[in-house]
Amino acid sequence: MRRISLAAAGMVCVALAGVPSALPATAAPVDHVTVYVDPAAATGAGAAERRTGRTAGTAVASIEEAQDVLRTRNVKNAKVLVPGGTYQAASTIQVTWSPPGGRLTLGTIGAAAVTVDCSTFDDGNANTEYGMTVTADNVTVSNYVFQNCRNGGIRAAGSSGNRLIGLDVTGNTFRRLGGKFQSGPGNGYGGVHATYTTGLNVENNLFQNLENSESPAAMHGVYVANYAQDTVIYNNRFELISGDPVRTRNRSDNTTVDLNKFWRTGSYAIFSDWRFDSEGCSTNGLFDRNQVGTTSYNSDRWNEDAQGSINPVRVRLWGHDAATNANLYGCSSDPIVFGGNNVYVTSKPW
């Protein structure tokens, strides 16, 4: 599986200019196309005419513009590459296209990561300040850093009528996310926040300092909700997360949490399932081969007093000496099963 991370300073979204007209539907398909992005392409005499995106020297100015270029091509697999640096966008990056039958990969030119910094967002909406929103199938995001975003890093936004399939989030860093780090309306929800997804893969990422000042328990590393199916959370690191680092909700079935490392995370549990009165229990969650620090985000010992005030919560918990049911209210089976290979550690495991 893939791995990467990122860093970038001034992501500019501009109106598309100089893009060739769409090819006929009968045009021969191309197996691989790479489009280069550089925000500096928005400036300079003749910039619009030069922006084909086919080389680093003719880069387009934004990820959105790169997708418009790709829409004119009959492409099976595509890459959109950005040079390393810190990019301060005016609004959320929107990923809305992927090649039919193939995959769109968002990556970097060289090893340096691209950092998407939300501190300059002009956004007064309580629920839309994410570094990136993905609504297209079969997308890979790799070697990015998301920071200073109030609601979270990547929002995987499927819907009941249009599920989002095959998102791969690999080798990224999610840091300083949540209401603690970005003023404005609303709180943080997750480094990766997914609804109505199938086959979400979250692998080899770092989740660090994901915190809310208000509603601290609402902020998670990975939060999958509303019928998200077949999620794999593998070989990630989670540190200083004010809510449960992994949370499922409302029939988000078949979530595997395997070979991850957790340190100073969690409000109620390390992996929990939540539902409100009108929602259903999740099923077939698996928590196995994980290393968990003995101390929660709030400096409670998991095996002593961290379970103190969870009466309103409907969860299946791991994060104590024994797997514990708490207020399940009629789930026909436990939402989460615990493998025999999870261990507590007394020092940070990386």
Protein backbone atom coordinates (compact mmCIF):
# COMPACT_ATOMS: atom_id res chain seq x y z
CA MET A 1 0.00 0.00 0.00
CA ARG A 2 1.03 3.60 -0.47
CA ARG A 3 2.64 6.08 1.93
CA ILE A 4 3.53 9.87 1.83
CA SER A 5 3.12 13.33 3.68
CA LEU A 6 2.94 17.15 2.81
CA ALA A 7 3.71 20.91 3.10
CA ALA A 8 2.74 24.26 0.96
CA ALA A 9 1.99 29.12 1.08
CA GLY A 10 -0.80 30.74 -0.97
CA MET A 11 -3.03 28.25 -2.81
CA VAL A 12 -4.87 30.39 -5.31
CA CYS A 13 -8.13 29.33 -6.96
CA VAL A 14 -8.58 31.10 -10.29
CA ALA A 15 -11.07 30.96 -13.13
CA LEU A 16 -10.08 28.43 -15.74
CA ALA A 17 -8.51 30.02 -18.79
CA GLY A 18 -6.87 28.63 -21.87
CA VAL A 19 -8.24 25.08 -21.39
CA PRO A 20 -8.77 23.20 -24.66
CA SER A 21 -12.30 22.21 -25.59
CA ALA A 22 -13.49 18.74 -24.67
CA LEU A 23 -12.34 15.90 -26.90
CA PRO A 24 -14.90 13.87 -28.82
CA ALA A 25 -16.32 10.90 -26.96
CA THR A 26 -14.65 8.65 -29.53
CA ALA A 27 -11.12 9.91 -28.72
CA ALA A 28 -8.75 7.06 -27.88
CA PRO A 29 -8.28 6.67 -24.12
CA VAL A 30 -4.95 7.57 -22.54
CA ASP A 31 -3.67 5.28 -19.78
CA HIS A 32 -1.78 7.89 -17.73
CA VAL A 33 -1.81 11.70 -17.65
CA THR A 34 -0.02 14.00 -15.19
CA VAL A 35 -1.12 17.59 -14.61
CA TYR A 36 1.17 19.98 -12.71
CA VAL A 37 -0.11 22.65 -10.33
CA ASP A 38 1.72 25.75 -9.10
CA PRO A 39 -0.11 28.72 -7.53
CA ALA A 40 2.55 31.02 -9.01
CA ALA A 41 1.09 30.20 -12.44
CA ALA A 42 -1.69 32.68 -11.68
CA THR A 43 0.71 35.59 -12.14
CA GLY A 44 2.87 36.87 -14.96
CA ALA A 45 2.30 38.10 -18.49
CA GLY A 46 0.81 35.46 -20.74
CA ALA A 47 0.28 33.06 -17.83
CA ALA A 48 -3.16 31.98 -18.98
CA GLU A 49 -1.93 31.04 -22.43
CA ARG A 50 0.91 28.94 -21.01
CA ARG A 51 -1.23 26.95 -18.57
CA THR A 52 -1.64 23.55 -20.15
CA GLY A 53 -0.51 21.74 -16.99
CA ARG A 54 1.43 19.17 -18.99
CA THR A 55 4.83 20.17 -17.58
CA ALA A 56 6.02 21.85 -14.40
CA GLY A 57 6.86 24.90 -16.52
CA THR A 58 3.29 25.18 -17.81
CA ALA A 59 1.55 24.39 -14.51
CA VAL A 60 -2.05 25.37 -13.86
CA ALA A 61 -2.82 27.48 -10.80
CA SER A 62 -5.00 25.19 -8.64
CA ILE A 63 -6.12 21.62 -8.06
CA GLU A 64 -9.59 22.59 -9.25
CA GLU A 65 -8.15 23.92 -12.50
CA ALA A 66 -6.17 20.70 -12.96
CA GLN A 67 -9.39 18.71 -12.74
CA ASP A 68 -10.95 20.91 -15.41
CA VAL A 69 -7.99 20.15 -17.68
CA LEU A 70 -8.44 16.43 -17.04
CA ARG A 71 -12.15 16.61 -17.86
CA THR A 72 -11.17 17.42 -21.44
CA ARG A 73 -9.11 14.23 -21.76
CA ASN A 74 -10.19 10.60 -22.14
CA VAL A 75 -7.94 9.46 -19.28
CA LYS A 76 -7.93 6.21 -17.34
CA ASN A 77 -5.47 7.18 -14.58
CA ALA A 78 -4.35 10.70 -13.67
CA LYS A 79 -1.95 12.40 -11.28
CA VAL A 80 -2.14 16.00 -10.06
CA LEU A 81 1.24 17.05 -8.65
CA VAL A 82 2.03 20.14 -6.55
CA PRO A 83 5.50 21.35 -5.49
CA GLY A 84 6.28 21.16 -1.77
CA GLY A 85 5.57 24.23 0.31
CA THR A 86 2.89 25.79 2.51
CA TYR A 87 -0.23 26.89 0.65
CA GLN A 88 -2.70 29.17 2.40
CA ALA A 89 -5.93 28.73 0.53
CA ALA A 90 -8.91 31.07 0.57
CA SER A 91 -11.31 28.13 0.82
CA THR A 92 -11.55 24.34 0.90
CA ILE A 93 -9.91 22.42 -1.95
CA GLN A 94 -12.68 20.64 -3.87
CA VAL A 95 -11.98 17.24 -5.44
CA THR A 96 -14.94 16.49 -7.69
CA TRP A 97 -13.56 14.41 -10.57
CA SER A 98 -11.88 11.08 -11.09
CA PRO A 99 -11.29 9.20 -14.35
CA PRO A 100 -14.03 6.68 -15.10
CA GLY A 101 -12.70 3.21 -14.39
CA GLY A 102 -9.37 4.48 -13.09
CA ARG A 103 -7.86 6.55 -10.27
CA LEU A 104 -6.96 10.17 -9.58
CA THR A 105 -3.87 10.61 -7.39
CA LEU A 106 -3.15 13.91 -5.64
CA GLY A 107 0.55 13.98 -4.82
CA THR A 108 3.66 16.11 -4.82
CA ILE A 109 6.60 16.94 -7.07
CA GLY A 110 9.51 15.34 -5.24
CA ALA A 111 9.67 14.19 -1.63
CA ALA A 112 8.73 17.47 0.09
CA ALA A 113 5.17 17.54 1.39
CA VAL A 114 2.47 20.07 0.53
CA THR A 115 0.93 21.80 3.54
CA VAL A 116 -2.63 23.08 3.24
CA ASP A 117 -3.06 25.75 5.91
CA CYS A 118 -6.63 26.89 6.62
CA SER A 119 -5.69 29.87 8.80
CA THR A 120 -6.47 32.30 5.95
CA PHE A 121 -9.86 30.82 5.06
CA ASP A 122 -12.65 33.33 4.57
CA ASP A 123 -15.31 31.04 5.98
CA GLY A 124 -18.17 31.78 8.37
CA ASN A 125 -19.96 28.44 7.99
CA ALA A 126 -19.85 26.17 11.02
CA ASN A 127 -19.48 22.88 9.11
CA THR A 128 -17.42 23.47 5.97
CA GLU A 129 -13.91 24.44 7.07
CA TYR A 130 -11.95 21.38 5.97
CA GLY A 131 -8.65 21.45 4.15
CA MET A 132 -10.09 19.29 1.37
CA THR A 133 -13.52 17.93 0.46
CA VAL A 134 -13.70 14.82 -1.74
CA THR A 135 -16.90 13.90 -3.58
CA ALA A 136 -15.34 11.83 -6.40
CA ASP A 137 -14.69 8.08 -6.45
CA ASN A 138 -11.28 6.37 -6.59
CA VAL A 139 -9.13 9.22 -5.33
CA THR A 140 -5.75 8.91 -3.59
CA VAL A 141 -4.42 11.73 -1.38
CA SER A 142 -0.76 11.32 -0.47
CA ASN A 143 2.07 13.41 1.01
CA TYR A 144 -0.14 16.27 2.23
CA VAL A 145 -0.19 18.11 5.55
CA PHE A 146 -3.48 19.61 6.72
CA GLN A 147 -3.25 22.17 9.52
CA ASN A 148 -5.15 24.98 11.27
CA CYS A 149 -8.53 23.85 9.88
CA ARG A 150 -11.47 24.28 12.25
CA ASN A 151 -13.63 21.30 11.19
CA GLY A 152 -10.99 18.83 10.02
CA GLY A 153 -8.52 17.77 7.35
CA ILE A 154 -10.29 15.69 4.67
CA ARG A 155 -14.07 15.51 4.37
CA ALA A 156 -15.14 12.44 2.39
CA ALA A 157 -18.66 13.50 1.53
CA GLY A 158 -20.77 10.75 0.02
CA SER A 159 -24.54 10.82 0.28
CA SER A 160 -27.34 8.27 0.65
CA GLY A 161 -28.03 8.46 -3.07
CA ASN A 162 -24.42 8.70 -4.24
CA ARG A 163 -21.94 6.75 -2.15
CA LEU A 164 -18.26 7.70 -2.30
CA ILE A 165 -16.13 4.70 -3.31
CA GLY A 166 -12.43 3.91 -2.99
CA LEU A 167 -10.88 6.92 -1.24
CA ASP A 168 -7.27 6.18 -0.23
CA VAL A 169 -5.69 8.52 2.36
CA THR A 170 -2.06 7.42 2.67
CA GLY A 171 1.10 8.95 4.09
CA ASN A 172 -0.31 12.31 5.18
CA THR A 173 -0.10 14.44 8.33
CA PHE A 174 -3.13 15.90 10.11
CA ARG A 175 -2.13 18.39 12.81
CA ARG A 176 -3.48 21.35 14.76
CA LEU A 177 -7.05 20.71 13.65
CA GLY A 178 -10.18 21.68 15.57
CA GLY A 179 -11.71 24.64 17.36
CA LYS A 180 -8.69 25.08 19.61
CA PHE A 181 -6.56 26.21 16.68
CA GLN A 182 -8.96 28.10 14.42
CA SER A 183 -11.51 30.64 15.59
CA GLY A 184 -14.98 30.92 14.12
CA PRO A 185 -18.28 29.03 14.30
CA GLY A 186 -18.33 25.28 14.78
CA ASN A 187 -16.02 22.62 16.21
CA GLY A 188 -13.75 19.98 14.79
CA TYR A 189 -15.04 16.53 13.82
CA GLY A 190 -12.11 14.54 12.42
CA GLY A 191 -8.77 14.50 10.69
CA VAL A 192 -10.61 12.29 8.20
CA HIS A 193 -14.41 12.67 8.41
CA ALA A 194 -16.37 10.30 6.16
CA THR A 195 -20.06 9.69 5.51
CA TYR A 196 -21.68 7.22 3.08
CA THR A 197 -18.34 5.82 1.92
CA THR A 198 -17.36 2.36 0.71
CA GLY A 199 -13.80 1.07 0.85
CA LEU A 200 -12.16 4.01 2.62
CA ASN A 201 -8.49 3.21 3.31
CA VAL A 202 -6.59 5.30 5.90
CA GLU A 203 -2.98 4.14 6.11
CA ASN A 204 0.43 5.34 7.35
CA ASN A 205 -0.77 8.77 8.46
CA LEU A 206 0.08 10.91 11.50
CA PHE A 207 -2.82 12.46 13.46
CA GLN A 208 -1.45 14.96 15.99
CA ASN A 209 -3.03 17.70 18.12
CA LEU A 210 -6.63 17.31 16.99
CA GLU A 211 -8.43 19.26 19.70
CA ASN A 212 -11.58 21.22 20.44
CA SER A 213 -11.78 23.75 23.27
CA GLU A 214 -15.58 23.47 23.31
CA SER A 215 -17.01 19.96 22.85
CA PRO A 216 -13.59 18.30 23.09
CA ALA A 217 -15.08 14.80 22.81
CA ALA A 218 -16.46 15.62 19.33
CA MET A 219 -13.01 15.69 17.69
CA HIS A 220 -11.60 12.42 16.32
CA GLY A 221 -8.70 11.18 14.25
CA VAL A 222 -10.92 9.14 11.91
CA TYR A 223 -14.69 9.59 12.14
CA VAL A 224 -16.86 7.40 9.86
CA ALA A 225 -20.63 7.85 10.02
CA ASN A 226 -23.95 7.25 8.29
CA TYR A 227 -23.61 3.86 6.63
CA ALA A 228 -19.90 4.08 5.86
CA GLN A 229 -18.89 0.55 4.84
CA ASP A 230 -15.67 -1.49 4.68
CA THR A 231 -13.26 1.04 6.19
CA VAL A 232 -9.64 0.06 6.89
CA ILE A 233 -7.57 2.13 9.36
CA TYR A 234 -4.09 0.63 9.24
CA ASN A 235 -0.65 1.49 10.64
CA ASN A 236 -1.37 5.09 11.65
CA ARG A 237 -0.13 7.12 14.61
CA PHE A 238 -2.56 9.08 16.82
CA GLU A 239 -1.37 11.58 19.44
CA LEU A 240 -3.12 14.23 21.57
CA ILE A 241 -6.67 13.87 20.26
CA SER A 242 -9.34 15.29 22.56
CA GLY A 243 -12.08 12.86 21.50
CA ASP A 244 -11.95 9.14 20.77
CA PRO A 245 -9.29 8.73 18.06
CA VAL A 246 -11.48 6.31 16.06
CA ARG A 247 -15.27 6.70 16.07
CA THR A 248 -17.97 4.94 14.05
CA ARG A 249 -21.59 6.01 14.03
CA ASN A 250 -24.99 5.00 12.65
CA ARG A 251 -24.57 1.65 10.86
CA SER A 252 -21.00 2.17 9.76
CA ASP A 253 -20.22 -1.52 9.33
CA ASN A 254 -17.03 -3.53 8.77
CA THR A 255 -14.49 -1.06 10.16
CA THR A 256 -11.05 -2.60 10.74
CA VAL A 257 -8.61 -0.80 13.06
CA ASP A 258 -5.33 -2.71 12.80
CA LEU A 259 -1.67 -2.15 13.75
CA ASN A 260 -2.08 1.47 14.86
CA LYS A 261 -0.31 3.35 17.67
CA PHE A 262 -2.14 5.63 20.13
CA TRP A 263 -0.67 8.06 22.67
CA ARG A 264 -2.57 10.46 24.96
CA THR A 265 -5.79 10.17 22.98
CA GLY A 266 -9.42 9.58 23.77
CA SER A 267 -12.29 10.88 25.85
CA TYR A 268 -14.43 7.74 26.27
CA ALA A 269 -12.43 5.09 24.42
CA ILE A 270 -9.80 4.40 21.81
CA PHE A 271 -12.33 2.92 19.35
CA SER A 272 -16.01 3.63 20.00
CA ASP A 273 -19.35 3.31 18.24
CA TRP A 274 -21.97 5.99 18.82
CA ARG A 275 -25.62 6.37 17.89
CA PHE A 276 -28.44 8.74 18.64
CA ASP A 277 -32.01 7.55 19.32
CA SER A 278 -33.03 7.44 15.65
CA GLU A 279 -29.83 5.73 14.48
CA GLY A 280 -28.68 2.12 14.20
CA CYS A 281 -25.86 0.13 15.74
CA SER A 282 -22.76 -0.46 13.66
CA THR A 283 -21.62 -4.07 13.14
CA ASN A 284 -18.42 -6.05 12.54
CA GLY A 285 -15.92 -3.51 13.82
CA LEU A 286 -12.52 -5.10 14.56
CA PHE A 287 -9.79 -3.68 16.82
CA ASP A 288 -6.60 -5.76 16.71
CA ARG A 289 -2.77 -5.55 16.93
CA ASN A 290 -2.85 -1.96 18.23
CA GLN A 291 -0.56 -0.31 20.80
CA VAL A 292 -2.34 2.00 23.24
CA GLY A 293 -0.86 4.36 25.83
CA THR A 294 -2.31 3.80 29.28
CA THR A 295 -3.22 7.50 29.71
CA SER A 296 -6.14 9.26 28.02
CA TYR A 297 -6.11 12.76 26.54
CA ASN A 298 -7.37 14.08 29.88
CA SER A 299 -4.52 12.37 31.78
CA ASP A 300 -6.86 9.70 33.19
CA ARG A 301 -5.66 6.14 33.50
CA TRP A 302 -7.76 4.05 31.16
CA ASN A 303 -7.95 1.18 33.62
CA GLU A 304 -8.93 3.31 36.61
CA ASP A 305 -11.18 6.32 36.11
CA ALA A 306 -11.57 7.28 32.44
CA GLN A 307 -15.00 5.64 32.26
CA GLY A 308 -16.47 7.98 34.87
CA SER A 309 -19.22 9.88 33.05
CA ILE A 310 -20.19 7.95 29.93
CA ASN A 311 -23.82 7.29 30.84
CA PRO A 312 -25.25 9.31 27.89
CA VAL A 313 -22.97 7.55 25.42
CA ARG A 314 -23.88 4.45 23.44
CA VAL A 315 -20.58 2.81 22.80
CA ARG A 316 -18.58 -0.38 22.77
CA LEU A 317 -15.26 0.46 24.37
CA TRP A 318 -11.71 -0.67 24.21
CA GLY A 319 -9.32 1.43 26.23
CA HIS A 320 -9.69 -0.23 29.61
CA ASP A 321 -8.28 -3.40 31.16
CA ALA A 322 -11.21 -5.32 29.72
CA ALA A 323 -13.47 -4.71 26.76
CA THR A 324 -16.49 -2.91 28.16
CA ASN A 325 -20.07 -2.34 27.01
CA ALA A 326 -21.45 1.04 27.98
CA ASN A 327 -25.09 1.91 27.44
CA LEU A 328 -25.57 -0.08 24.22
CA TYR A 329 -29.37 0.04 24.45
CA GLY A 330 -30.31 -3.02 22.51
CA CYS A 331 -27.66 -3.64 19.87
CA SER A 332 -28.21 -7.23 18.74
CA SER A 333 -24.45 -7.78 18.64
CA ASP A 334 -21.45 -5.84 19.88
CA PRO A 335 -20.53 -3.18 17.29
CA ILE A 336 -16.81 -3.81 17.88
CA VAL A 337 -14.92 -7.06 18.42
CA PHE A 338 -11.51 -6.97 20.08
CA GLY A 339 -8.73 -9.19 18.79
CA GLY A 340 -6.34 -10.77 21.25
CA ASN A 341 -3.28 -8.81 20.15
CA ASN A 342 -3.89 -5.28 21.51
CA VAL A 343 -1.42 -4.10 24.16
CA TYR A 344 -1.02 -1.18 26.56
CA VAL A 345 2.27 0.72 26.49
CA THR A 346 3.70 3.09 29.10
CA SER A 347 5.82 5.19 26.72
CA LYS A 348 5.08 6.66 23.28
CA PRO A 349 5.37 3.76 20.82
CA TRP A 350 7.21 5.67 18.08
